[in-house]
Amino acid sequence: MTAFLIISVFIILFGGFLYWAYLPDYRRDPKEFWRTLIGMPIGMLLSILGFGALNELIKKWAIKDKDEKNNI
């Protein structure tokens, strides 16, 4: 019962964090938001495991649209 309560509190805190921290980014550009949300943990994991080249490819994928908009 105690473990369930602790896990529930963490889930609520994490949900609140996502809502207040990422909602402005999502409203600004939903496509970029999902790329960041997916790419950031994968890139961190790859860099920890020593795959720096794959990390750079994911970074380029995540910010692709931003670079194209700035060049126009």
PDB file of N, CA and C in Angstrom:
ATOM      1  N   MET A   1       0.821  -1.199   0.000  1.00  0.00           N
ATOM      2  CA  MET A   1       0.000   0.000   0.000  1.00  0.00           C
ATOM      3  C   MET A   1       0.864   1.262   0.000  1.00  0.00           C
ATOM      4  N   THR A   2       1.935   1.245   0.770  1.00  0.00           N
ATOM      5  CA  THR A   2       2.820   2.406   0.834  1.00  0.00           C
ATOM      6  C   THR A   2       3.518   2.635  -0.506  1.00  0.00           C
ATOM      7  N   ALA A   3       3.930   1.545  -1.149  1.00  0.00           N
ATOM      8  CA  ALA A   3       4.586   1.675  -2.449  1.00  0.00           C
ATOM      9  C   ALA A   3       3.624   2.271  -3.470  1.00  0.00           C
ATOM     10  N   PHE A   4       2.376   1.846  -3.432  1.00  0.00           N
ATOM     11  CA  PHE A   4       1.374   2.388  -4.351  1.00  0.00           C
ATOM     12  C   PHE A   4       1.202   3.889  -4.138  1.00  0.00           C
ATOM     13  N   LEU A   5       1.174   4.317  -2.893  1.00  0.00           N
ATOM     14  CA  LEU A   5       1.020   5.732  -2.573  1.00  0.00           C
ATOM     15  C   LEU A   5       2.219   6.550  -3.054  1.00  0.00           C
ATOM     16  N   ILE A   6       3.419   6.033  -2.848  1.00  0.00           N
ATOM     17  CA  ILE A   6       4.629   6.730  -3.288  1.00  0.00           C
ATOM     18  C   ILE A   6       4.676   6.826  -4.806  1.00  0.00           C
ATOM     19  N   ILE A   7       4.364   5.740  -5.486  1.00  0.00           N
ATOM     20  CA  ILE A   7       4.356   5.747  -6.953  1.00  0.00           C
ATOM     21  C   ILE A   7       3.289   6.699  -7.473  1.00  0.00           C
ATOM     22  N   SER A   8       2.137   6.728  -6.849  1.00  0.00           N
ATOM     23  CA  SER A   8       1.065   7.646  -7.265  1.00  0.00           C
ATOM     24  C   SER A   8       1.491   9.098  -7.127  1.00  0.00           C
ATOM     25  N   VAL A   9       2.155   9.423  -6.030  1.00  0.00           N
ATOM     26  CA  VAL A   9       2.629  10.797  -5.826  1.00  0.00           C
ATOM     27  C   VAL A   9       3.645  11.169  -6.900  1.00  0.00           C
ATOM     28  N   PHE A  10       4.573  10.270  -7.215  1.00  0.00           N
ATOM     29  CA  PHE A  10       5.555  10.553  -8.259  1.00  0.00           C
ATOM     30  C   PHE A  10       4.899  10.726  -9.620  1.00  0.00           C
ATOM     31  N   ILE A  11       3.910   9.937  -9.928  1.00  0.00           N
ATOM     32  CA  ILE A  11       3.208  10.061 -11.206  1.00  0.00           C
ATOM     33  C   ILE A  11       2.487  11.403 -11.286  1.00  0.00           C
ATOM     34  N   ILE A  12       1.858  11.809 -10.205  1.00  0.00           N
ATOM     35  CA  ILE A  12       1.161  13.099 -10.183  1.00  0.00           C
ATOM     36  C   ILE A  12       2.158  14.244 -10.332  1.00  0.00           C
ATOM     37  N   LEU A  13       3.280  14.180  -9.634  1.00  0.00           N
ATOM     38  CA  LEU A  13       4.306  15.218  -9.758  1.00  0.00           C
ATOM     39  C   LEU A  13       4.880  15.274 -11.171  1.00  0.00           C
ATOM     40  N   PHE A  14       5.130  14.111 -11.759  1.00  0.00           N
ATOM     41  CA  PHE A  14       5.665  14.069 -13.123  1.00  0.00           C
ATOM     42  C   PHE A  14       4.654  14.622 -14.123  1.00  0.00           C
ATOM     43  N   GLY A  15       3.388  14.274 -13.945  1.00  0.00           N
ATOM     44  CA  GLY A  15       2.340  14.818 -14.819  1.00  0.00           C
ATOM     45  C   GLY A  15       2.231  16.327 -14.694  1.00  0.00           C
ATOM     46  N   GLY A  16       2.300  16.837 -13.462  1.00  0.00           N
ATOM     47  CA  GLY A  16       2.277  18.287 -13.262  1.00  0.00           C
ATOM     48  C   GLY A  16       3.477  18.961 -13.889  1.00  0.00           C
ATOM     49  N   PHE A  17       4.645  18.343 -13.756  1.00  0.00           N
ATOM     50  CA  PHE A  17       5.843  18.887 -14.379  1.00  0.00           C
ATOM     51  C   PHE A  17       5.692  18.963 -15.891  1.00  0.00           C
ATOM     52  N   LEU A  18       5.215  17.884 -16.497  1.00  0.00           N
ATOM     53  CA  LEU A  18       5.024  17.896 -17.948  1.00  0.00           C
ATOM     54  C   LEU A  18       4.016  18.953 -18.367  1.00  0.00           C
ATOM     55  N   TYR A  19       2.958  19.107 -17.596  1.00  0.00           N
ATOM     56  CA  TYR A  19       1.917  20.064 -17.950  1.00  0.00           C
ATOM     57  C   TYR A  19       2.437  21.490 -17.899  1.00  0.00           C
ATOM     58  N   TRP A  20       3.059  21.885 -16.792  1.00  0.00           N
ATOM     59  CA  TRP A  20       3.478  23.278 -16.653  1.00  0.00           C
ATOM     60  C   TRP A  20       4.790  23.590 -17.344  1.00  0.00           C
ATOM     61  N   ALA A  21       5.677  22.622 -17.476  1.00  0.00           N
ATOM     62  CA  ALA A  21       6.970  22.889 -18.085  1.00  0.00           C
ATOM     63  C   ALA A  21       6.921  22.795 -19.604  1.00  0.00           C
ATOM     64  N   TYR A  22       6.156  21.856 -20.132  1.00  0.00           N
ATOM     65  CA  TYR A  22       6.190  21.618 -21.564  1.00  0.00           C
ATOM     66  C   TYR A  22       4.977  22.137 -22.323  1.00  0.00           C
ATOM     67  N   LEU A  23       3.920  22.539 -21.651  1.00  0.00           N
ATOM     68  CA  LEU A  23       2.735  23.011 -22.356  1.00  0.00           C
ATOM     69  C   LEU A  23       3.014  24.230 -23.233  1.00  0.00           C
ATOM     70  N   PRO A  24       3.787  25.228 -22.780  1.00  0.00           N
ATOM     71  CA  PRO A  24       4.093  26.351 -23.679  1.00  0.00           C
ATOM     72  C   PRO A  24       4.859  25.917 -24.924  1.00  0.00           C
ATOM     73  N   ASP A  25       5.795  24.968 -24.775  1.00  0.00           N
ATOM     74  CA  ASP A  25       6.529  24.472 -25.943  1.00  0.00           C
ATOM     75  C   ASP A  25       5.599  23.740 -26.895  1.00  0.00           C
ATOM     76  N   TYR A  26       4.672  22.969 -26.348  1.00  0.00           N
ATOM     77  CA  TYR A  26       3.738  22.237 -27.199  1.00  0.00           C
ATOM     78  C   TYR A  26       2.837  23.195 -27.975  1.00  0.00           C
ATOM     79  N   ARG A  27       2.369  24.245 -27.321  1.00  0.00           N
ATOM     80  CA  ARG A  27       1.502  25.213 -28.010  1.00  0.00           C
ATOM     81  C   ARG A  27       2.258  25.949 -29.107  1.00  0.00           C
ATOM     82  N   ARG A  28       3.538  26.191 -28.885  1.00  0.00           N
ATOM     83  CA  ARG A  28       4.337  26.906 -29.880  1.00  0.00           C
ATOM     84  C   ARG A  28       4.533  26.072 -31.147  1.00  0.00           C
ATOM     85  N   ASP A  29       4.917  24.810 -30.973  1.00  0.00           N
ATOM     86  CA  ASP A  29       5.178  23.950 -32.131  1.00  0.00           C
ATOM     87  C   ASP A  29       5.062  22.481 -31.710  1.00  0.00           C
ATOM     88  N   PRO A  30       3.890  21.865 -31.911  1.00  0.00           N
ATOM     89  CA  PRO A  30       3.696  20.479 -31.458  1.00  0.00           C
ATOM     90  C   PRO A  30       4.664  19.480 -32.077  1.00  0.00           C
ATOM     91  N   LYS A  31       5.006  19.661 -33.343  1.00  0.00           N
ATOM     92  CA  LYS A  31       5.894  18.713 -34.003  1.00  0.00           C
ATOM     93  C   LYS A  31       7.292  18.748 -33.360  1.00  0.00           C
ATOM     94  N   GLU A  32       7.792  19.937 -33.099  1.00  0.00           N
ATOM     95  CA  GLU A  32       9.095  20.071 -32.464  1.00  0.00           C
ATOM     96  C   GLU A  32       9.066  19.526 -31.033  1.00  0.00           C
ATOM     97  N   PHE A  33       7.958  19.721 -30.354  1.00  0.00           N
ATOM     98  CA  PHE A  33       7.812  19.228 -28.983  1.00  0.00           C
ATOM     99  C   PHE A  33       7.969  17.718 -28.934  1.00  0.00           C
ATOM    100  N   TRP A  34       7.281  17.006 -29.815  1.00  0.00           N
ATOM    101  CA  TRP A  34       7.363  15.543 -29.787  1.00  0.00           C
ATOM    102  C   TRP A  34       8.744  15.056 -30.168  1.00  0.00           C
ATOM    103  N   ARG A  35       9.395  15.747 -31.113  1.00  0.00           N
ATOM    104  CA  ARG A  35      10.760  15.357 -31.467  1.00  0.00           C
ATOM    105  C   ARG A  35      11.701  15.547 -30.288  1.00  0.00           C
ATOM    106  N   THR A  36      11.535  16.649 -29.565  1.00  0.00           N
ATOM    107  CA  THR A  36      12.377  16.891 -28.400  1.00  0.00           C
ATOM    108  C   THR A  36      12.100  15.874 -27.311  1.00  0.00           C
ATOM    109  N   LEU A  37      10.844  15.599 -27.067  1.00  0.00           N
ATOM    110  CA  LEU A  37      10.460  14.670 -26.004  1.00  0.00           C
ATOM    111  C   LEU A  37      10.950  13.256 -26.293  1.00  0.00           C
ATOM    112  N   ILE A  38      10.971  12.869 -27.553  1.00  0.00           N
ATOM    113  CA  ILE A  38      11.435  11.537 -27.932  1.00  0.00           C
ATOM    114  C   ILE A  38      12.959  11.513 -28.063  1.00  0.00           C
ATOM    115  N   GLY A  39      13.514  12.527 -28.695  1.00  0.00           N
ATOM    116  CA  GLY A  39      14.941  12.531 -29.006  1.00  0.00           C
ATOM    117  C   GLY A  39      15.857  12.771 -27.827  1.00  0.00           C
ATOM    118  N   MET A  40      15.431  13.565 -26.856  1.00  0.00           N
ATOM    119  CA  MET A  40      16.310  13.908 -25.738  1.00  0.00           C
ATOM    120  C   MET A  40      16.721  12.679 -24.919  1.00  0.00           C
ATOM    121  N   PRO A  41      15.788  11.852 -24.443  1.00  0.00           N
ATOM    122  CA  PRO A  41      16.237  10.682 -23.660  1.00  0.00           C
ATOM    123  C   PRO A  41      17.036   9.677 -24.477  1.00  0.00           C
ATOM    124  N   ILE A  42      16.663   9.499 -25.739  1.00  0.00           N
ATOM    125  CA  ILE A  42      17.397   8.553 -26.587  1.00  0.00           C
ATOM    126  C   ILE A  42      18.810   9.056 -26.819  1.00  0.00           C
ATOM    127  N   GLY A  43      18.958  10.362 -27.089  1.00  0.00           N
ATOM    128  CA  GLY A  43      20.282  10.945 -27.291  1.00  0.00           C
ATOM    129  C   GLY A  43      21.141  10.854 -26.048  1.00  0.00           C
ATOM    130  N   MET A  44      20.547  11.085 -24.887  1.00  0.00           N
ATOM    131  CA  MET A  44      21.305  10.975 -23.638  1.00  0.00           C
ATOM    132  C   MET A  44      21.774   9.539 -23.416  1.00  0.00           C
ATOM    133  N   LEU A  45      20.911   8.588 -23.680  1.00  0.00           N
ATOM    134  CA  LEU A  45      21.272   7.185 -23.513  1.00  0.00           C
ATOM    135  C   LEU A  45      22.394   6.797 -24.480  1.00  0.00           C
ATOM    136  N   LEU A  46      22.290   7.236 -25.719  1.00  0.00           N
ATOM    137  CA  LEU A  46      23.325   6.906 -26.698  1.00  0.00           C
ATOM    138  C   LEU A  46      24.664   7.524 -26.327  1.00  0.00           C
ATOM    139  N   SER A  47      24.641   8.766 -25.832  1.00  0.00           N
ATOM    140  CA  SER A  47      25.911   9.399 -25.462  1.00  0.00           C
ATOM    141  C   SER A  47      26.542   8.711 -24.253  1.00  0.00           C
ATOM    142  N   ILE A  48      25.725   8.220 -23.321  1.00  0.00           N
ATOM    143  CA  ILE A  48      26.250   7.483 -22.167  1.00  0.00           C
ATOM    144  C   ILE A  48      26.875   6.170 -22.615  1.00  0.00           C
ATOM    145  N   LEU A  49      26.251   5.524 -23.599  1.00  0.00           N
ATOM    146  CA  LEU A  49      26.758   4.245 -24.082  1.00  0.00           C
ATOM    147  C   LEU A  49      27.938   4.400 -25.040  1.00  0.00           C
ATOM    148  N   GLY A  50      28.280   5.643 -25.414  1.00  0.00           N
ATOM    149  CA  GLY A  50      29.439   5.876 -26.262  1.00  0.00           C
ATOM    150  C   GLY A  50      29.145   5.982 -27.745  1.00  0.00           C
ATOM    151  N   PHE A  51      27.897   6.160 -28.106  1.00  0.00           N
ATOM    152  CA  PHE A  51      27.535   6.307 -29.510  1.00  0.00           C
ATOM    153  C   PHE A  51      27.310   7.783 -29.831  1.00  0.00           C
ATOM    154  N   GLY A  52      28.384   8.558 -29.856  1.00  0.00           N
ATOM    155  CA  GLY A  52      28.284   9.993 -30.088  1.00  0.00           C
ATOM    156  C   GLY A  52      27.769  10.343 -31.473  1.00  0.00           C
ATOM    157  N   ALA A  53      28.130   9.544 -32.471  1.00  0.00           N
ATOM    158  CA  ALA A  53      27.688   9.832 -33.843  1.00  0.00           C
ATOM    159  C   ALA A  53      26.171   9.684 -33.970  1.00  0.00           C
ATOM    160  N   LEU A  54      25.617   8.655 -33.353  1.00  0.00           N
ATOM    161  CA  LEU A  54      24.163   8.482 -33.389  1.00  0.00           C
ATOM    162  C   LEU A  54      23.462   9.599 -32.621  1.00  0.00           C
ATOM    163  N   ASN A  55      24.071  10.049 -31.539  1.00  0.00           N
ATOM    164  CA  ASN A  55      23.524  11.160 -30.772  1.00  0.00           C
ATOM    165  C   ASN A  55      23.454  12.410 -31.640  1.00  0.00           C
ATOM    166  N   GLU A  56      24.482  12.670 -32.419  1.00  0.00           N
ATOM    167  CA  GLU A  56      24.482  13.839 -33.309  1.00  0.00           C
ATOM    168  C   GLU A  56      23.401  13.716 -34.384  1.00  0.00           C
ATOM    169  N   LEU A  57      23.185  12.514 -34.907  1.00  0.00           N
ATOM    170  CA  LEU A  57      22.130  12.317 -35.904  1.00  0.00           C
ATOM    171  C   LEU A  57      20.751  12.600 -35.312  1.00  0.00           C
ATOM    172  N   ILE A  58      20.533  12.177 -34.090  1.00  0.00           N
ATOM    173  CA  ILE A  58      19.241  12.430 -33.437  1.00  0.00           C
ATOM    174  C   ILE A  58      19.071  13.921 -33.172  1.00  0.00           C
ATOM    175  N   LYS A  59      20.154  14.610 -32.778  1.00  0.00           N
ATOM    176  CA  LYS A  59      20.069  16.058 -32.571  1.00  0.00           C
ATOM    177  C   LYS A  59      19.685  16.766 -33.867  1.00  0.00           C
ATOM    178  N   LYS A  60      20.303  16.367 -34.970  1.00  0.00           N
ATOM    179  CA  LYS A  60      19.970  16.979 -36.263  1.00  0.00           C
ATOM    180  C   LYS A  60      18.526  16.704 -36.642  1.00  0.00           C
ATOM    181  N   TRP A  61      18.034  15.507 -36.363  1.00  0.00           N
ATOM    182  CA  TRP A  61      16.637  15.169 -36.660  1.00  0.00           C
ATOM    183  C   TRP A  61      15.685  15.999 -35.819  1.00  0.00           C
ATOM    184  N   ALA A  62      16.025  16.197 -34.553  1.00  0.00           N
ATOM    185  CA  ALA A  62      15.135  16.903 -33.641  1.00  0.00           C
ATOM    186  C   ALA A  62      15.037  18.388 -33.952  1.00  0.00           C
ATOM    187  N   ILE A  63      16.094  18.994 -34.471  1.00  0.00           N
ATOM    188  CA  ILE A  63      16.067  20.429 -34.746  1.00  0.00           C
ATOM    189  C   ILE A  63      16.043  20.736 -36.240  1.00  0.00           C
ATOM    190  N   LYS A  64      15.685  19.754 -37.045  1.00  0.00           N
ATOM    191  CA  LYS A  64      15.685  19.903 -38.494  1.00  0.00           C
ATOM    192  C   LYS A  64      14.796  21.055 -38.951  1.00  0.00           C
ATOM    193  N   ASP A  65      13.554  21.097 -38.512  1.00  0.00           N
ATOM    194  CA  ASP A  65      12.620  22.123 -38.961  1.00  0.00           C
ATOM    195  C   ASP A  65      13.040  23.511 -38.497  1.00  0.00           C
ATOM    196  N   LYS A  66      13.631  23.610 -37.318  1.00  0.00           N
ATOM    197  CA  LYS A  66      14.055  24.902 -36.804  1.00  0.00           C
ATOM    198  C   LYS A  66      15.155  25.483 -37.688  1.00  0.00           C
ATOM    199  N   ASP A  67      16.124  24.645 -38.108  1.00  0.00           N
ATOM    200  CA  ASP A  67      17.184  25.118 -38.972  1.00  0.00           C
ATOM    201  C   ASP A  67      16.655  25.533 -40.330  1.00  0.00           C
ATOM    202  N   GLU A  68      15.687  24.779 -40.866  1.00  0.00           N
ATOM    203  CA  GLU A  68      15.130  25.119 -42.182  1.00  0.00           C
ATOM    204  C   GLU A  68      14.367  26.428 -42.129  1.00  0.00           C
ATOM    205  N   LYS A  69      13.662  26.705 -41.032  1.00  0.00           N
ATOM    206  CA  LYS A  69      12.923  27.946 -40.896  1.00  0.00           C
ATOM    207  C   LYS A  69      13.846  29.135 -40.794  1.00  0.00           C
ATOM    208  N   ASN A  70      14.998  28.967 -40.132  1.00  0.00           N
ATOM    209  CA  ASN A  70      15.946  30.070 -39.973  1.00  0.00           C
ATOM    210  C   ASN A  70      16.674  30.393 -41.268  1.00  0.00           C
ATOM    211  N   ASN A  71      16.836  29.412 -42.158  1.00  0.00           N
ATOM    212  CA  ASN A  71      17.546  29.648 -43.410  1.00  0.00           C
ATOM    213  C   ASN A  71      16.688  30.337 -44.456  1.00  0.00           C
ATOM    214  N   ILE A  72      15.394  30.304 -44.309  1.00  0.00           N
ATOM    215  CA  ILE A  72      14.504  30.897 -45.322  1.00  0.00           C
ATOM    216  C   ILE A  72      14.446  32.390 -45.164  1.00  0.00           C
TER     217      ILE A  72
END
